[in-house]
Structures are given as structure tokens and as C-alpha cells.
Amino acid sequence: MDKEDEILEELKKTNRLLEEQKEEVSPFQAVMDMVKSLLSGVLIVGPILAVIIVLFQLIGSWL
């Protein structure tokens, strides 16, 4: 029984921590995280993909 009580207390503590974190996150923060992800994709991943595609086209034209 002692082990079960210990596990139950740990689960309650974890649940409380999750509830506190959920309260801390605002909808505005979620939107800002999405915008940051989108901008990093456009500004970093996009140009890298463009360079890779151009390199493949150049290699393909040489063959």
C-alpha cells in the first residue's frame, strides 16, 4: 500500500505542475510561437532548399 500511495502522490504533484504550466501559457504566446516557427522556416529552411534544388538542377544538366 505504501508504494501505491507514493505513486498516487507523485501523480497528483505532476498533475498540479501541468495545471500551473497550462495557466501560464496565454493564447497570444501560442500565436507568437507559430509566427516564429513560420518565419524561421521562410528565412532559414526556404533558402537552403532553394540552393539544394539549384545544385541538383546544375548536376542534372551536366549529366
PDB file of N, CA and C in Angstrom:
ATOM      1  N   MET A   1       0.813  -1.197   0.000  1.00  0.00           N
ATOM      2  CA  MET A   1       0.000   0.000   0.000  1.00  0.00           C
ATOM      3  C   MET A   1       0.857   1.261   0.000  1.00  0.00           C
ATOM      4  N   ASP A   2       1.994   1.181   0.625  1.00  0.00           N
ATOM      5  CA  ASP A   2       2.860   2.351   0.709  1.00  0.00           C
ATOM      6  C   ASP A   2       3.318   2.789  -0.680  1.00  0.00           C
ATOM      7  N   LYS A   3       3.645   1.820  -1.528  1.00  0.00           N
ATOM      8  CA  LYS A   3       4.092   2.136  -2.881  1.00  0.00           C
ATOM      9  C   LYS A   3       2.966   2.787  -3.681  1.00  0.00           C
ATOM     10  N   GLU A   4       1.748   2.300  -3.506  1.00  0.00           N
ATOM     11  CA  GLU A   4       0.607   2.860  -4.221  1.00  0.00           C
ATOM     12  C   GLU A   4       0.356   4.301  -3.804  1.00  0.00           C
ATOM     13  N   ASP A   5       0.455   4.572  -2.505  1.00  0.00           N
ATOM     14  CA  ASP A   5       0.270   5.934  -2.011  1.00  0.00           C
ATOM     15  C   ASP A   5       1.354   6.856  -2.559  1.00  0.00           C
ATOM     16  N   GLU A   6       2.565   6.337  -2.622  1.00  0.00           N
ATOM     17  CA  GLU A   6       3.681   7.120  -3.154  1.00  0.00           C
ATOM     18  C   GLU A   6       3.440   7.483  -4.619  1.00  0.00           C
ATOM     19  N   ILE A   7       2.997   6.505  -5.402  1.00  0.00           N
ATOM     20  CA  ILE A   7       2.722   6.731  -6.823  1.00  0.00           C
ATOM     21  C   ILE A   7       1.573   7.717  -6.989  1.00  0.00           C
ATOM     22  N   LEU A   8       0.537   7.572  -6.167  1.00  0.00           N
ATOM     23  CA  LEU A   8      -0.609   8.470  -6.234  1.00  0.00           C
ATOM     24  C   LEU A   8      -0.206   9.903  -5.910  1.00  0.00           C
ATOM     25  N   GLU A   9       0.612  10.094  -4.913  1.00  0.00           N
ATOM     26  CA  GLU A   9       1.089  11.431  -4.556  1.00  0.00           C
ATOM     27  C   GLU A   9       1.925  12.038  -5.692  1.00  0.00           C
ATOM     28  N   GLU A  10       2.753  11.211  -6.296  1.00  0.00           N
ATOM     29  CA  GLU A  10       3.587  11.691  -7.403  1.00  0.00           C
ATOM     30  C   GLU A  10       2.718  12.120  -8.588  1.00  0.00           C
ATOM     31  N   LEU A  11       1.685  11.339  -8.877  1.00  0.00           N
ATOM     32  CA  LEU A  11       0.767  11.692  -9.952  1.00  0.00           C
ATOM     33  C   LEU A  11       0.012  12.984  -9.654  1.00  0.00           C
ATOM     34  N   LYS A  12      -0.402  13.162  -8.420  1.00  0.00           N
ATOM     35  CA  LYS A  12      -1.083  14.404  -8.038  1.00  0.00           C
ATOM     36  C   LYS A  12      -0.159  15.599  -8.199  1.00  0.00           C
ATOM     37  N   LYS A  13       1.092  15.428  -7.787  1.00  0.00           N
ATOM     38  CA  LYS A  13       2.072  16.513  -7.902  1.00  0.00           C
ATOM     39  C   LYS A  13       2.311  16.870  -9.364  1.00  0.00           C
ATOM     40  N   THR A  14       2.435  15.849 -10.202  1.00  0.00           N
ATOM     41  CA  THR A  14       2.641  16.082 -11.635  1.00  0.00           C
ATOM     42  C   THR A  14       1.439  16.780 -12.239  1.00  0.00           C
ATOM     43  N   ASN A  15       0.250  16.368 -11.845  1.00  0.00           N
ATOM     44  CA  ASN A  15      -0.964  16.991 -12.361  1.00  0.00           C
ATOM     45  C   ASN A  15      -1.031  18.466 -11.974  1.00  0.00           C
ATOM     46  N   ARG A  16      -0.658  18.780 -10.728  1.00  0.00           N
ATOM     47  CA  ARG A  16      -0.647  20.178 -10.291  1.00  0.00           C
ATOM     48  C   ARG A  16       0.342  21.003 -11.105  1.00  0.00           C
ATOM     49  N   LEU A  17       1.523  20.443 -11.360  1.00  0.00           N
ATOM     50  CA  LEU A  17       2.522  21.163 -12.147  1.00  0.00           C
ATOM     51  C   LEU A  17       2.036  21.409 -13.570  1.00  0.00           C
ATOM     52  N   LEU A  18       1.366  20.415 -14.158  1.00  0.00           N
ATOM     53  CA  LEU A  18       0.830  20.589 -15.504  1.00  0.00           C
ATOM     54  C   LEU A  18      -0.258  21.653 -15.545  1.00  0.00           C
ATOM     55  N   GLU A  19      -1.103  21.683 -14.544  1.00  0.00           N
ATOM     56  CA  GLU A  19      -2.149  22.705 -14.473  1.00  0.00           C
ATOM     57  C   GLU A  19      -1.536  24.099 -14.361  1.00  0.00           C
ATOM     58  N   GLU A  20      -0.491  24.234 -13.566  1.00  0.00           N
ATOM     59  CA  GLU A  20       0.174  25.533 -13.427  1.00  0.00           C
ATOM     60  C   GLU A  20       0.788  25.973 -14.751  1.00  0.00           C
ATOM     61  N   GLN A  21       1.402  25.044 -15.470  1.00  0.00           N
ATOM     62  CA  GLN A  21       2.001  25.392 -16.755  1.00  0.00           C
ATOM     63  C   GLN A  21       0.933  25.780 -17.758  1.00  0.00           C
ATOM     64  N   LYS A  22      -0.192  25.091 -17.728  1.00  0.00           N
ATOM     65  CA  LYS A  22      -1.260  25.396 -18.671  1.00  0.00           C
ATOM     66  C   LYS A  22      -1.787  26.806 -18.431  1.00  0.00           C
ATOM     67  N   GLU A  23      -1.867  27.210 -17.176  1.00  0.00           N
ATOM     68  CA  GLU A  23      -2.351  28.548 -16.845  1.00  0.00           C
ATOM     69  C   GLU A  23      -1.364  29.620 -17.279  1.00  0.00           C
ATOM     70  N   GLU A  24      -0.072  29.294 -17.300  1.00  0.00           N
ATOM     71  CA  GLU A  24       0.945  30.278 -17.651  1.00  0.00           C
ATOM     72  C   GLU A  24       0.969  30.589 -19.148  1.00  0.00           C
ATOM     73  N   VAL A  25       0.564  29.650 -19.978  1.00  0.00           N
ATOM     74  CA  VAL A  25       0.616  29.847 -21.424  1.00  0.00           C
ATOM     75  C   VAL A  25      -0.623  30.599 -21.874  1.00  0.00           C
ATOM     76  N   SER A  26      -0.396  31.744 -22.507  1.00  0.00           N
ATOM     77  CA  SER A  26      -1.515  32.537 -22.997  1.00  0.00           C
ATOM     78  C   SER A  26      -1.729  32.249 -24.486  1.00  0.00           C
ATOM     79  N   PRO A  27      -2.915  32.529 -24.998  1.00  0.00           N
ATOM     80  CA  PRO A  27      -3.159  32.324 -26.437  1.00  0.00           C
ATOM     81  C   PRO A  27      -2.233  33.179 -27.296  1.00  0.00           C
ATOM     82  N   PHE A  28      -1.929  34.375 -26.830  1.00  0.00           N
ATOM     83  CA  PHE A  28      -1.029  35.256 -27.577  1.00  0.00           C
ATOM     84  C   PHE A  28       0.353  34.625 -27.715  1.00  0.00           C
ATOM     85  N   GLN A  29       0.812  33.959 -26.667  1.00  0.00           N
ATOM     86  CA  GLN A  29       2.121  33.313 -26.705  1.00  0.00           C
ATOM     87  C   GLN A  29       2.125  32.175 -27.724  1.00  0.00           C
ATOM     88  N   ALA A  30       1.032  31.436 -27.808  1.00  0.00           N
ATOM     89  CA  ALA A  30       0.936  30.347 -28.782  1.00  0.00           C
ATOM     90  C   ALA A  30       0.991  30.899 -30.199  1.00  0.00           C
ATOM     91  N   VAL A  31       0.316  32.015 -30.445  1.00  0.00           N
ATOM     92  CA  VAL A  31       0.335  32.638 -31.775  1.00  0.00           C
ATOM     93  C   VAL A  31       1.738  33.127 -32.104  1.00  0.00           C
ATOM     94  N   MET A  32       2.406  33.718 -31.134  1.00  0.00           N
ATOM     95  CA  MET A  32       3.766  34.201 -31.373  1.00  0.00           C
ATOM     96  C   MET A  32       4.720  33.046 -31.664  1.00  0.00           C
ATOM     97  N   ASP A  33       4.548  31.915 -31.004  1.00  0.00           N
ATOM     98  CA  ASP A  33       5.376  30.742 -31.282  1.00  0.00           C
ATOM     99  C   ASP A  33       5.150  30.256 -32.710  1.00  0.00           C
ATOM    100  N   MET A  34       3.898  30.279 -33.169  1.00  0.00           N
ATOM    101  CA  MET A  34       3.607  29.868 -34.550  1.00  0.00           C
ATOM    102  C   MET A  34       4.247  30.817 -35.548  1.00  0.00           C
ATOM    103  N   VAL A  35       4.182  32.113 -35.273  1.00  0.00           N
ATOM    104  CA  VAL A  35       4.772  33.102 -36.173  1.00  0.00           C
ATOM    105  C   VAL A  35       6.286  32.932 -36.228  1.00  0.00           C
ATOM    106  N   LYS A  36       6.916  32.685 -35.070  1.00  0.00           N
ATOM    107  CA  LYS A  36       8.369  32.466 -35.040  1.00  0.00           C
ATOM    108  C   LYS A  36       8.753  31.242 -35.859  1.00  0.00           C
ATOM    109  N   SER A  37       7.979  30.170 -35.724  1.00  0.00           N
ATOM    110  CA  SER A  37       8.267  28.958 -36.481  1.00  0.00           C
ATOM    111  C   SER A  37       8.120  29.200 -37.974  1.00  0.00           C
ATOM    112  N   LEU A  38       7.084  29.919 -38.350  1.00  0.00           N
ATOM    113  CA  LEU A  38       6.858  30.219 -39.765  1.00  0.00           C
ATOM    114  C   LEU A  38       7.982  31.073 -40.321  1.00  0.00           C
ATOM    115  N   LEU A  39       8.385  32.093 -39.586  1.00  0.00           N
ATOM    116  CA  LEU A  39       9.463  32.969 -40.057  1.00  0.00           C
ATOM    117  C   LEU A  39      10.787  32.223 -40.154  1.00  0.00           C
ATOM    118  N   SER A  40      11.077  31.370 -39.191  1.00  0.00           N
ATOM    119  CA  SER A  40      12.325  30.613 -39.269  1.00  0.00           C
ATOM    120  C   SER A  40      12.286  29.669 -40.457  1.00  0.00           C
ATOM    121  N   GLY A  41      11.132  29.114 -40.763  1.00  0.00           N
ATOM    122  CA  GLY A  41      11.014  28.251 -41.930  1.00  0.00           C
ATOM    123  C   GLY A  41      11.233  29.020 -43.213  1.00  0.00           C
ATOM    124  N   VAL A  42      10.661  30.208 -43.298  1.00  0.00           N
ATOM    125  CA  VAL A  42      10.776  31.010 -44.518  1.00  0.00           C
ATOM    126  C   VAL A  42      12.187  31.566 -44.676  1.00  0.00           C
ATOM    127  N   LEU A  43      12.778  32.030 -43.601  1.00  0.00           N
ATOM    128  CA  LEU A  43      14.074  32.704 -43.695  1.00  0.00           C
ATOM    129  C   LEU A  43      15.273  31.767 -43.665  1.00  0.00           C
ATOM    130  N   ILE A  44      15.123  30.579 -43.106  1.00  0.00           N
ATOM    131  CA  ILE A  44      16.264  29.670 -42.988  1.00  0.00           C
ATOM    132  C   ILE A  44      16.099  28.451 -43.879  1.00  0.00           C
ATOM    133  N   VAL A  45      15.003  27.738 -43.724  1.00  0.00           N
ATOM    134  CA  VAL A  45      14.819  26.487 -44.447  1.00  0.00           C
ATOM    135  C   VAL A  45      14.568  26.748 -45.931  1.00  0.00           C
ATOM    136  N   GLY A  46      13.799  27.781 -46.254  1.00  0.00           N
ATOM    137  CA  GLY A  46      13.482  28.096 -47.650  1.00  0.00           C
ATOM    138  C   GLY A  46      14.716  28.320 -48.511  1.00  0.00           C
ATOM    139  N   PRO A  47      15.602  29.232 -48.129  1.00  0.00           N
ATOM    140  CA  PRO A  47      16.806  29.452 -48.942  1.00  0.00           C
ATOM    141  C   PRO A  47      17.702  28.220 -49.049  1.00  0.00           C
ATOM    142  N   ILE A  48      17.788  27.450 -47.991  1.00  0.00           N
ATOM    143  CA  ILE A  48      18.609  26.229 -48.040  1.00  0.00           C
ATOM    144  C   ILE A  48      18.023  25.255 -49.056  1.00  0.00           C
ATOM    145  N   LEU A  49      16.708  25.086 -49.040  1.00  0.00           N
ATOM    146  CA  LEU A  49      16.071  24.210 -50.023  1.00  0.00           C
ATOM    147  C   LEU A  49      16.269  24.730 -51.440  1.00  0.00           C
ATOM    148  N   ALA A  50      16.201  26.040 -51.621  1.00  0.00           N
ATOM    149  CA  ALA A  50      16.400  26.616 -52.955  1.00  0.00           C
ATOM    150  C   ALA A  50      17.810  26.318 -53.458  1.00  0.00           C
ATOM    151  N   VAL A  51      18.811  26.449 -52.614  1.00  0.00           N
ATOM    152  CA  VAL A  51      20.194  26.169 -53.007  1.00  0.00           C
ATOM    153  C   VAL A  51      20.347  24.697 -53.367  1.00  0.00           C
ATOM    154  N   ILE A  52      19.752  23.810 -52.583  1.00  0.00           N
ATOM    155  CA  ILE A  52      19.855  22.376 -52.865  1.00  0.00           C
ATOM    156  C   ILE A  52      19.192  22.043 -54.198  1.00  0.00           C
ATOM    157  N   ILE A  53      18.026  22.628 -54.455  1.00  0.00           N
ATOM    158  CA  ILE A  53      17.333  22.364 -55.725  1.00  0.00           C
ATOM    159  C   ILE A  53      18.155  22.865 -56.895  1.00  0.00           C
ATOM    160  N   VAL A  54      18.746  24.055 -56.782  1.00  0.00           N
ATOM    161  CA  VAL A  54      19.589  24.593 -57.860  1.00  0.00           C
ATOM    162  C   VAL A  54      20.799  23.706 -58.085  1.00  0.00           C
ATOM    163  N   LEU A  55      21.410  23.213 -57.008  1.00  0.00           N
ATOM    164  CA  LEU A  55      22.558  22.317 -57.162  1.00  0.00           C
ATOM    165  C   LEU A  55      22.164  21.040 -57.892  1.00  0.00           C
ATOM    166  N   PHE A  56      21.023  20.459 -57.540  1.00  0.00           N
ATOM    167  CA  PHE A  56      20.566  19.258 -58.244  1.00  0.00           C
ATOM    168  C   PHE A  56      20.285  19.545 -59.720  1.00  0.00           C
ATOM    169  N   GLN A  57      19.742  20.717 -60.019  1.00  0.00           N
ATOM    170  CA  GLN A  57      19.478  21.065 -61.417  1.00  0.00           C
ATOM    171  C   GLN A  57      20.782  21.228 -62.186  1.00  0.00           C
ATOM    172  N   LEU A  58      21.788  21.845 -61.552  1.00  0.00           N
ATOM    173  CA  LEU A  58      23.076  22.007 -62.218  1.00  0.00           C
ATOM    174  C   LEU A  58      23.739  20.642 -62.461  1.00  0.00           C
ATOM    175  N   ILE A  59      23.705  19.793 -61.456  1.00  0.00           N
ATOM    176  CA  ILE A  59      24.287  18.467 -61.610  1.00  0.00           C
ATOM    177  C   ILE A  59      23.543  17.682 -62.679  1.00  0.00           C
ATOM    178  N   GLY A  60      22.238  17.818 -62.718  1.00  0.00           N
ATOM    179  CA  GLY A  60      21.429  17.134 -63.727  1.00  0.00           C
ATOM    180  C   GLY A  60      21.709  17.630 -65.133  1.00  0.00           C
ATOM    181  N   SER A  61      21.982  18.904 -65.259  1.00  0.00           N
ATOM    182  CA  SER A  61      22.259  19.449 -66.611  1.00  0.00           C
ATOM    183  C   SER A  61      23.654  19.033 -67.102  1.00  0.00           C
ATOM    184  N   TRP A  62      24.573  18.753 -66.210  1.00  0.00           N
ATOM    185  CA  TRP A  62      25.908  18.332 -66.598  1.00  0.00           C
ATOM    186  C   TRP A  62      25.924  16.857 -67.036  1.00  0.00           C
ATOM    187  N   LEU A  63      24.993  16.072 -66.528  1.00  0.00           N
ATOM    188  CA  LEU A  63      24.993  14.649 -66.835  1.00  0.00           C
ATOM    189  C   LEU A  63      24.377  14.342 -68.158  1.00  0.00           C
TER     190      LEU A  63
END
